[in-house]
């Protein structure tokens, strides 16, 4: 089992009355709510937390891409990943990921991911999300009916840029380039492992199964709500006659561990309620633009997590009726499995059940969420690493992880300095 420490980098100081006074945390969140001086401290705390997770022995640290929002302050996860590549040693760096359809040209992704892979000595996991409608269609103005076509073309271009030895021309529908010859080239050959994060669409998990990529369900709503999606992925793998290797799947789960269940409830209630009450406050206008959700997903009755979050905003109204009971109080958050809390033994037991029932070999763990303080994040991270992680290591021991980074030999890699020495005066 691989245990991965995921950071969303949420803005931690949204006001108490945010839901009442603001239509959405995404797209049109007002600029006056952002204080750059406070965010300076947030960013540095977040980066300290990622480095601390690496020191604690997590198999990977994970970052992702979002735009125009207070839910996650990473419009460029590659900037954070580049810092982690320099400040960590053996920990994998999972960029989950770059929204391919937003890059013009997509060779920018090929180049920057190759840089991270080279700086880190071959520790990159390359995530290629299709992207949320808020990021892709509204913040970046992509036509929703063309989004997946742009995504697939960009994927093909990036993969060719990594693997073609000679300069080549690319003449696609959305991208035309006469000379493609990226420098640097990735350490990992033929390319870094490719993981695809998804929010539930049928086409995404079908494509992952066909392409032999890792399908990662980034679940806001925990393992109970995630069961149907993961079952859909494994059913597609069965249909294609492929092995049910758990390492071809990843799952995101919120965690709060303490000395007892009651202490965990008390410690993590504020942060959990902040996240589900403010960070997921999405205006329904931005959740499902026409053309974004495919006919296949609609026929399968699959609704994205963004849609679910947005529906919870419009209580008692048409689209909101189905999800009017989405939990924002700690009792509901815990009862519905959004956040797993408890003592180390209780959390370990629940996660063993999650990993077994969903058949996932990569657990991506949110041990910081909402407005959780740096001290509490470190406590949650340390206690999990010391008392929960060892109880999960034996899971899926009979399988081989073919989708993990293949770094350079440690003896050939550059040393990571414990500090940055000042230049001597001449």
Protein backbone atom coordinates (compact mmCIF):
# COMPACT_ATOMS: atom_id res chain seq x y z
CA UNK A 1 0.00 0.00 0.00
CA UNK A 2 1.20 3.49 -0.90
CA UNK A 3 0.22 6.35 1.43
CA UNK A 4 0.31 9.81 -0.14
CA UNK A 5 -0.01 13.20 1.55
CA UNK A 6 -2.27 15.54 -0.47
CA UNK A 7 -2.53 19.31 -0.04
CA UNK A 8 -5.29 21.46 -1.57
CA UNK A 9 -3.85 24.72 -0.17
CA UNK A 10 -7.21 26.29 0.76
CA UNK A 11 -7.48 29.94 1.73
CA UNK A 12 -7.86 29.64 5.49
CA UNK A 13 -9.48 32.98 6.38
CA UNK A 14 -12.80 33.14 4.55
CA UNK A 15 -15.26 35.01 6.80
CA UNK A 16 -17.82 33.22 8.94
CA UNK A 17 -20.69 34.65 6.88
CA UNK A 18 -19.04 33.72 3.57
CA UNK A 19 -21.91 31.49 2.39
CA UNK A 20 -24.52 34.14 3.10
CA UNK A 21 -22.71 37.06 1.51
CA UNK A 22 -21.00 35.43 -1.48
CA UNK A 23 -22.53 33.40 -4.33
CA UNK A 24 -19.52 31.17 -4.92
CA UNK A 25 -16.05 30.24 -3.70
CA UNK A 26 -15.11 29.70 -7.35
CA UNK A 27 -14.97 31.88 -10.49
CA UNK A 28 -16.35 35.15 -9.14
CA UNK A 29 -15.13 35.10 -5.53
CA UNK A 30 -14.41 38.75 -4.76
CA UNK A 31 -10.81 39.95 -4.79
CA UNK A 32 -11.26 41.94 -1.56
CA UNK A 33 -11.38 38.65 0.35
CA UNK A 34 -7.78 37.87 -0.63
CA UNK A 35 -5.06 39.40 1.55
CA UNK A 36 -1.65 38.85 -0.10
CA UNK A 37 0.23 39.41 3.15
CA UNK A 38 -1.83 36.77 4.94
CA UNK A 39 -1.54 34.46 1.93
CA UNK A 40 2.24 34.86 2.10
CA UNK A 41 2.13 33.13 5.48
CA UNK A 42 -0.34 30.52 4.24
CA UNK A 43 1.80 29.52 1.28
CA UNK A 44 4.90 29.17 3.40
CA UNK A 45 3.02 27.16 6.03
CA UNK A 46 1.61 24.89 3.32
CA UNK A 47 5.03 24.29 1.80
CA UNK A 48 6.45 23.54 5.26
CA UNK A 49 3.64 21.01 5.75
CA UNK A 50 4.39 19.25 2.48
CA UNK A 51 8.08 19.02 3.34
CA UNK A 52 7.20 17.79 6.83
CA UNK A 53 5.04 15.02 5.35
CA UNK A 54 8.01 13.91 3.26
CA UNK A 55 10.18 13.84 6.39
CA UNK A 56 7.54 11.75 8.17
CA UNK A 57 7.87 9.00 5.56
CA UNK A 58 4.82 9.36 3.31
CA UNK A 59 5.41 7.70 -0.05
CA UNK A 60 4.46 10.83 -2.00
CA UNK A 61 3.38 14.42 -1.58
CA UNK A 62 0.61 15.62 -3.89
CA UNK A 63 -0.39 19.00 -5.33
CA UNK A 64 -3.01 20.04 -7.90
CA UNK A 65 -4.24 22.86 -10.16
CA UNK A 66 -7.18 25.20 -9.67
CA UNK A 67 -8.01 28.75 -10.72
CA UNK A 68 -9.98 31.79 -9.52
CA UNK A 69 -11.04 30.33 -6.18
CA UNK A 70 -10.60 30.17 -2.43
CA UNK A 71 -10.80 26.36 -2.39
CA UNK A 72 -7.20 25.78 -3.47
CA UNK A 73 -4.44 28.36 -3.96
CA UNK A 74 -2.47 26.50 -6.64
CA UNK A 75 -3.03 27.94 -10.12
CA UNK A 76 0.42 26.49 -10.87
CA UNK A 77 1.18 23.28 -8.94
CA UNK A 78 4.39 23.02 -10.95
CA UNK A 79 5.86 25.92 -8.96
CA UNK A 80 5.23 24.05 -5.70
CA UNK A 81 6.45 20.76 -7.17
CA UNK A 82 9.69 22.36 -8.34
CA UNK A 83 10.37 23.52 -4.78
CA UNK A 84 9.56 20.05 -3.43
CA UNK A 85 11.88 18.49 -6.00
CA UNK A 86 14.72 20.53 -4.52
CA UNK A 87 13.79 20.16 -0.84
CA UNK A 88 12.99 16.43 -0.62
CA UNK A 89 14.98 13.29 -1.32
CA UNK A 90 13.20 9.97 -1.84
CA UNK A 91 9.55 11.03 -1.70
CA UNK A 92 7.59 10.81 -4.95
CA UNK A 93 6.16 14.10 -6.21
CA UNK A 94 2.65 13.73 -7.52
CA UNK A 95 1.33 16.66 -9.55
CA UNK A 96 -2.36 15.84 -9.73
CA UNK A 97 -2.11 17.57 -12.09
CA UNK A 98 -1.94 19.92 -15.08
CA UNK A 99 -5.28 20.56 -16.81
CA UNK A 100 -4.03 19.77 -20.29
CA UNK A 101 -6.75 21.53 -22.30
CA UNK A 102 -5.78 24.89 -20.75
CA UNK A 103 -2.20 24.97 -22.02
CA UNK A 104 -1.41 26.65 -25.31
CA UNK A 105 0.69 24.99 -26.49
CA UNK A 106 0.52 21.79 -24.42
CA UNK A 107 4.26 21.35 -24.92
CA UNK A 108 4.52 23.69 -21.92
CA UNK A 109 3.32 20.76 -19.78
CA UNK A 110 5.82 18.39 -21.39
CA UNK A 111 8.67 20.81 -20.71
CA UNK A 112 7.76 21.73 -17.13
CA UNK A 113 7.01 18.17 -16.08
CA UNK A 114 10.32 17.10 -17.61
CA UNK A 115 12.07 19.82 -15.59
CA UNK A 116 10.50 18.57 -12.36
CA UNK A 117 11.42 15.00 -13.20
CA UNK A 118 15.03 15.98 -13.91
CA UNK A 119 15.42 18.20 -10.83
CA UNK A 120 13.96 15.47 -8.61
CA UNK A 121 16.02 12.71 -10.19
CA UNK A 122 13.03 10.87 -11.61
CA UNK A 123 10.44 11.13 -8.82
CA UNK A 124 7.56 12.72 -10.74
CA UNK A 125 4.04 11.30 -11.09
CA UNK A 126 2.38 13.18 -13.97
CA UNK A 127 -1.31 13.85 -13.43
CA UNK A 128 -3.49 14.83 -16.40
CA UNK A 129 -6.95 15.99 -15.25
CA UNK A 130 -9.67 17.01 -17.67
CA UNK A 131 -10.45 19.76 -15.17
CA UNK A 132 -13.45 21.19 -13.35
CA UNK A 133 -15.91 23.34 -15.32
CA UNK A 134 -15.13 26.29 -13.05
CA UNK A 135 -11.44 26.17 -13.95
CA UNK A 136 -11.66 25.18 -17.60
CA UNK A 137 -14.89 26.64 -18.95
CA UNK A 138 -15.35 29.75 -16.83
CA UNK A 139 -11.99 30.89 -15.44
CA UNK A 140 -10.15 29.98 -18.67
CA UNK A 141 -12.94 30.29 -21.21
CA UNK A 142 -12.72 26.85 -22.86
CA UNK A 143 -15.75 25.75 -24.88
CA UNK A 144 -17.23 22.91 -22.76
CA UNK A 145 -18.28 20.92 -25.82
CA UNK A 146 -14.65 20.91 -27.03
CA UNK A 147 -12.97 20.34 -23.68
CA UNK A 148 -12.46 16.60 -23.85
CA UNK A 149 -11.34 16.75 -27.51
CA UNK A 150 -8.78 19.41 -26.62
CA UNK A 151 -7.69 17.28 -23.67
CA UNK A 152 -7.10 14.13 -25.74
CA UNK A 153 -5.18 16.03 -28.41
CA UNK A 154 -3.02 17.71 -25.77
CA UNK A 155 -2.36 14.34 -24.15
CA UNK A 156 -1.18 12.88 -27.46
CA UNK A 157 1.09 15.86 -28.08
CA UNK A 158 2.69 15.74 -24.61
CA UNK A 159 3.29 12.01 -24.79
CA UNK A 160 4.88 12.29 -28.25
CA UNK A 161 7.04 15.19 -27.06
CA UNK A 162 8.40 12.97 -24.28
CA UNK A 163 9.02 9.89 -26.42
CA UNK A 164 9.96 11.01 -29.95
CA UNK A 165 13.73 11.15 -30.38
CA UNK A 166 13.73 13.47 -33.37
CA UNK A 167 12.20 16.89 -33.93
CA UNK A 168 8.69 16.50 -35.31
CA UNK A 169 5.74 18.55 -36.53
CA UNK A 170 2.27 18.31 -35.01
CA UNK A 171 -0.82 19.25 -36.99
CA UNK A 172 -3.91 18.74 -34.86
CA UNK A 173 -7.30 20.36 -34.76
CA UNK A 174 -6.38 22.68 -31.88
CA UNK A 175 -2.59 22.67 -31.96
CA UNK A 176 -0.27 23.20 -34.91
CA UNK A 177 3.47 23.31 -34.30
CA UNK A 178 6.19 22.97 -36.91
CA UNK A 179 9.02 22.15 -34.53
CA UNK A 180 8.59 20.08 -31.37
CA UNK A 181 11.82 19.15 -29.65
CA UNK A 182 11.55 19.61 -25.89
CA UNK A 183 14.58 20.18 -23.70
CA UNK A 184 14.99 18.93 -21.02
CA UNK A 185 13.85 15.34 -21.45
CA UNK A 186 12.46 13.39 -18.47
CA UNK A 187 14.69 11.06 -16.47
CA UNK A 188 12.02 8.36 -16.46
CA UNK A 189 11.78 6.51 -19.75
CA UNK A 190 9.79 6.34 -21.86
CA UNK A 191 7.99 8.89 -19.66
CA UNK A 192 6.89 9.48 -16.03
CA UNK A 193 3.92 7.41 -14.83
CA UNK A 194 0.63 8.99 -15.91
CA UNK A 195 -2.26 9.18 -13.45
CA UNK A 196 -5.70 10.55 -14.29
CA UNK A 197 -7.74 12.23 -11.56
CA UNK A 198 -11.48 12.06 -12.02
CA UNK A 199 -14.65 13.36 -10.45
CA UNK A 200 -16.89 10.52 -11.61
CA UNK A 201 -17.37 10.77 -15.38
CA UNK A 202 -17.75 7.44 -17.18
CA UNK A 203 -15.47 8.44 -20.06
CA UNK A 204 -12.56 9.20 -17.74
CA UNK A 205 -12.44 5.80 -16.07
CA UNK A 206 -13.08 4.02 -19.37
CA UNK A 207 -10.14 5.85 -20.94
CA UNK A 208 -7.87 5.06 -17.97
CA UNK A 209 -8.69 1.37 -18.27
CA UNK A 210 -7.99 1.38 -22.01
CA UNK A 211 -4.74 3.35 -21.72
CA UNK A 212 -3.41 1.42 -18.71
CA UNK A 213 -3.25 4.57 -16.58
CA UNK A 214 -3.98 4.94 -12.88
CA UNK A 215 -7.52 6.15 -12.22
CA UNK A 216 -7.68 8.42 -9.17
CA UNK A 217 -11.03 9.30 -7.69
CA UNK A 218 -10.54 12.57 -5.82
CA UNK A 219 -13.52 12.28 -3.51
CA UNK A 220 -14.89 15.19 -1.51
CA UNK A 221 -17.53 12.94 -0.02
CA UNK A 222 -15.59 9.96 1.22
CA UNK A 223 -15.57 6.25 0.64
CA UNK A 224 -19.31 5.67 1.00
CA UNK A 225 -20.17 7.99 -1.87
CA UNK A 226 -17.10 6.84 -3.82
CA UNK A 227 -18.07 3.17 -3.95
CA UNK A 228 -20.24 3.45 -7.07
CA UNK A 229 -17.53 5.25 -9.04
CA UNK A 230 -14.80 2.79 -8.10
CA UNK A 231 -17.12 -0.13 -8.85
CA UNK A 232 -17.68 1.41 -12.30
CA UNK A 233 -13.96 1.58 -12.97
CA UNK A 234 -13.35 -2.02 -11.92
CA UNK A 235 -16.33 -3.20 -13.94
CA UNK A 236 -14.73 -1.59 -17.00
CA UNK A 237 -11.43 -3.31 -16.20
CA UNK A 238 -13.30 -6.64 -15.99
CA UNK A 239 -15.02 -5.94 -19.30
CA UNK A 240 -11.63 -5.40 -20.95
CA UNK A 241 -10.26 -8.59 -19.39
CA UNK A 242 -7.61 -6.74 -17.37
CA UNK A 243 -6.21 -7.57 -13.96
CA UNK A 244 -7.78 -5.96 -10.91
CA UNK A 245 -4.38 -4.73 -9.77
CA UNK A 246 -5.24 -2.31 -6.92
CA UNK A 247 -2.26 -0.15 -7.82
CA UNK A 248 -4.08 0.95 -10.96
CA UNK A 249 -6.42 2.93 -8.72
CA UNK A 250 -6.13 5.78 -6.26
CA UNK A 251 -8.63 7.29 -3.84
CA UNK A 252 -8.67 10.51 -1.83
CA UNK A 253 -9.87 10.45 1.78
CA UNK A 254 -10.06 13.13 4.48
CA UNK A 255 -8.57 12.01 7.81
CA UNK A 256 -8.53 13.23 11.42
CA UNK A 257 -6.60 11.08 13.88
CA UNK A 258 -6.16 11.69 17.61
CA UNK A 259 -5.77 9.76 20.86
CA UNK A 260 -9.49 8.97 20.91
CA UNK A 261 -12.53 9.33 18.68
CA UNK A 262 -13.97 12.08 20.87
CA UNK A 263 -10.73 14.01 20.84
CA UNK A 264 -10.58 13.70 17.05
CA UNK A 265 -14.16 14.97 16.80
CA UNK A 266 -13.29 17.96 18.97
CA UNK A 267 -10.00 18.73 17.22
CA UNK A 268 -11.15 18.53 13.61
CA UNK A 269 -14.74 19.79 13.67
CA UNK A 270 -13.90 23.42 12.93
CA UNK A 271 -11.65 22.60 9.97
CA UNK A 272 -14.08 20.07 8.50
CA UNK A 273 -17.07 22.38 8.81
CA UNK A 274 -15.03 25.22 7.29
CA UNK A 275 -14.18 23.07 4.29
CA UNK A 276 -17.66 21.72 3.63
CA UNK A 277 -19.38 24.97 4.53
CA UNK A 278 -17.15 27.48 2.76
CA UNK A 279 -14.58 25.80 0.48
CA UNK A 280 -17.29 23.83 -1.36
CA UNK A 281 -19.72 26.73 -1.71
CA UNK A 282 -20.09 26.56 -5.52
CA UNK A 283 -22.68 28.54 -7.46
CA UNK A 284 -24.85 26.12 -9.51
CA UNK A 285 -24.33 28.35 -12.57
CA UNK A 286 -20.77 27.09 -12.80
CA UNK A 287 -21.28 23.40 -12.08
CA UNK A 288 -22.63 21.93 -15.31
CA UNK A 289 -22.22 24.11 -18.42
CA UNK A 290 -23.97 22.66 -21.50
CA UNK A 291 -21.68 20.19 -23.23
CA UNK A 292 -19.44 19.54 -20.23
CA UNK A 293 -21.18 16.40 -18.97
CA UNK A 294 -21.26 13.72 -21.64
CA UNK A 295 -24.33 11.84 -22.74
CA UNK A 296 -22.77 8.62 -21.44
CA UNK A 297 -22.34 9.96 -17.93
CA UNK A 298 -25.84 11.42 -17.95
CA UNK A 299 -27.36 8.12 -19.05
CA UNK A 300 -25.41 6.32 -16.34
CA UNK A 301 -26.85 8.71 -13.76
CA UNK A 302 -23.38 9.91 -12.81
CA UNK A 303 -23.25 13.40 -11.34
CA UNK A 304 -19.95 15.11 -10.67
CA UNK A 305 -18.88 16.12 -7.20
CA UNK A 306 -18.96 19.73 -8.35
CA UNK A 307 -22.64 19.26 -9.21
CA UNK A 308 -23.25 17.73 -5.82
CA UNK A 309 -21.56 20.62 -4.05
CA UNK A 310 -23.48 23.15 -6.12
CA UNK A 311 -26.79 21.40 -5.56
CA UNK A 312 -26.22 21.64 -1.83
CA UNK A 313 -26.11 25.42 -2.25
CA UNK A 314 -29.69 25.69 -3.52
CA UNK A 315 -31.63 23.99 -0.76
CA UNK A 316 -35.15 23.02 -1.60
CA UNK A 317 -34.96 24.22 -5.19
CA UNK A 318 -35.26 21.99 -8.27
CA UNK A 319 -31.72 20.67 -8.79
CA UNK A 320 -30.95 21.10 -5.10
CA UNK A 321 -33.64 18.82 -3.76
CA UNK A 322 -31.69 15.61 -4.26
CA UNK A 323 -28.63 16.80 -2.37
CA UNK A 324 -30.28 19.18 0.10
CA UNK A 325 -29.01 16.92 2.89
CA UNK A 326 -25.31 17.19 1.96
CA UNK A 327 -23.64 17.49 5.34
CA UNK A 328 -21.95 20.64 6.55
CA UNK A 329 -22.05 19.87 10.29
CA UNK A 330 -19.52 17.55 11.90
CA UNK A 331 -22.06 14.88 12.87
CA UNK A 332 -23.19 14.50 9.27
CA UNK A 333 -19.66 14.84 7.90
CA UNK A 334 -18.49 11.90 10.03
CA UNK A 335 -21.63 9.78 9.69
CA UNK A 336 -21.51 10.04 5.89
CA UNK A 337 -17.83 9.12 5.79
CA UNK A 338 -16.61 12.40 4.32
CA UNK A 339 -13.93 12.53 7.02
CA UNK A 340 -12.64 9.43 8.80
CA UNK A 341 -11.85 10.23 12.43
CA UNK A 342 -10.78 8.27 15.47
CA UNK A 343 -7.86 6.83 17.35
CA UNK A 344 -4.95 5.41 15.34
CA UNK A 345 -6.37 1.89 15.62
CA UNK A 346 -9.85 3.04 14.57
CA UNK A 347 -8.57 5.04 11.61
CA UNK A 348 -6.32 2.19 10.49
CA UNK A 349 -9.20 -0.27 10.62
CA UNK A 350 -11.49 2.01 8.62
CA UNK A 351 -8.79 2.65 6.00
CA UNK A 352 -8.10 -1.06 5.65
CA UNK A 353 -11.79 -1.52 4.87
CA UNK A 354 -11.73 1.37 2.38
CA UNK A 355 -8.64 0.08 0.58
CA UNK A 356 -10.06 -3.44 0.43
CA UNK A 357 -13.65 -2.61 -0.53
CA UNK A 358 -12.64 -0.06 -3.18
CA UNK A 359 -9.62 -2.13 -4.25
CA UNK A 360 -7.21 0.81 -4.23
CA UNK A 361 -3.45 0.62 -3.73
CA UNK A 362 -2.79 4.37 -3.60
CA UNK A 363 -4.51 6.22 -0.76
CA UNK A 364 -4.22 9.99 -1.11
CA UNK A 365 -4.82 11.47 2.31
CA UNK A 366 -6.01 14.94 3.19
CA UNK A 367 -4.56 15.55 6.64
CA UNK A 368 -4.89 19.31 6.22
CA UNK A 369 -8.24 20.74 5.13
CA UNK A 370 -10.25 23.89 5.57
CA UNK A 371 -8.73 26.31 8.08
CA UNK A 372 -6.73 23.70 9.97
CA UNK A 373 -3.77 25.29 11.75
CA UNK A 374 -0.17 24.41 11.06
CA UNK A 375 0.25 22.87 14.52
CA UNK A 376 -2.82 20.69 14.18
CA UNK A 377 -1.77 19.65 10.68
CA UNK A 378 1.62 18.56 11.98
CA UNK A 379 -0.04 16.65 14.82
CA UNK A 380 -2.42 14.88 12.43
CA UNK A 381 0.42 14.10 10.02
CA UNK A 382 2.85 12.83 12.66
CA UNK A 383 0.32 10.66 14.50
CA UNK A 384 -0.84 9.13 11.22
CA UNK A 385 2.72 8.43 10.07
CA UNK A 386 3.80 6.87 13.35
CA UNK A 387 0.71 4.94 14.43
CA UNK A 388 -1.55 4.42 11.41
CA UNK A 389 0.77 4.02 8.44
CA UNK A 390 2.57 0.90 9.77
CA UNK A 391 -0.80 -0.86 10.12
CA UNK A 392 -1.56 -0.39 6.41
CA UNK A 393 1.73 -1.29 4.76
CA UNK A 394 0.93 -4.98 4.27
CA UNK A 395 -2.20 -4.34 2.19
CA UNK A 396 -2.04 -5.52 -1.44
CA UNK A 397 1.35 -7.08 -0.82
CA UNK A 398 0.81 -9.67 -3.54
CA UNK A 399 0.58 -7.09 -6.31
CA UNK A 400 3.28 -5.12 -8.15
CA UNK A 401 2.94 -1.35 -8.53
CA UNK A 402 3.75 -0.76 -12.20
CA UNK A 403 2.69 2.89 -12.00
CA UNK A 404 5.21 4.24 -9.47
CA UNK A 405 8.15 6.52 -10.30
CA UNK A 406 11.48 4.98 -11.26
CA UNK A 407 14.10 7.41 -9.88
CA UNK A 408 17.80 7.52 -10.55
CA UNK A 409 20.07 5.58 -8.25
CA UNK A 410 20.44 7.57 -5.03
CA UNK A 411 24.22 7.59 -5.35
CA UNK A 412 23.94 9.49 -8.64
CA UNK A 413 21.55 12.17 -7.40
CA UNK A 414 22.46 15.63 -6.18
CA UNK A 415 22.46 16.16 -2.42
CA UNK A 416 19.62 18.16 -0.89
CA UNK A 417 21.10 20.85 1.36
CA UNK A 418 19.71 21.19 4.87
CA UNK A 419 19.93 24.94 4.42
CA UNK A 420 20.77 27.40 1.68
CA UNK A 421 24.31 28.70 2.30
CA UNK A 422 24.98 32.37 1.77
CA UNK A 423 27.44 33.31 -0.93
CA UNK A 424 30.81 34.27 0.52
CA UNK A 425 31.71 37.91 0.06
CA UNK A 426 34.40 38.44 -2.53
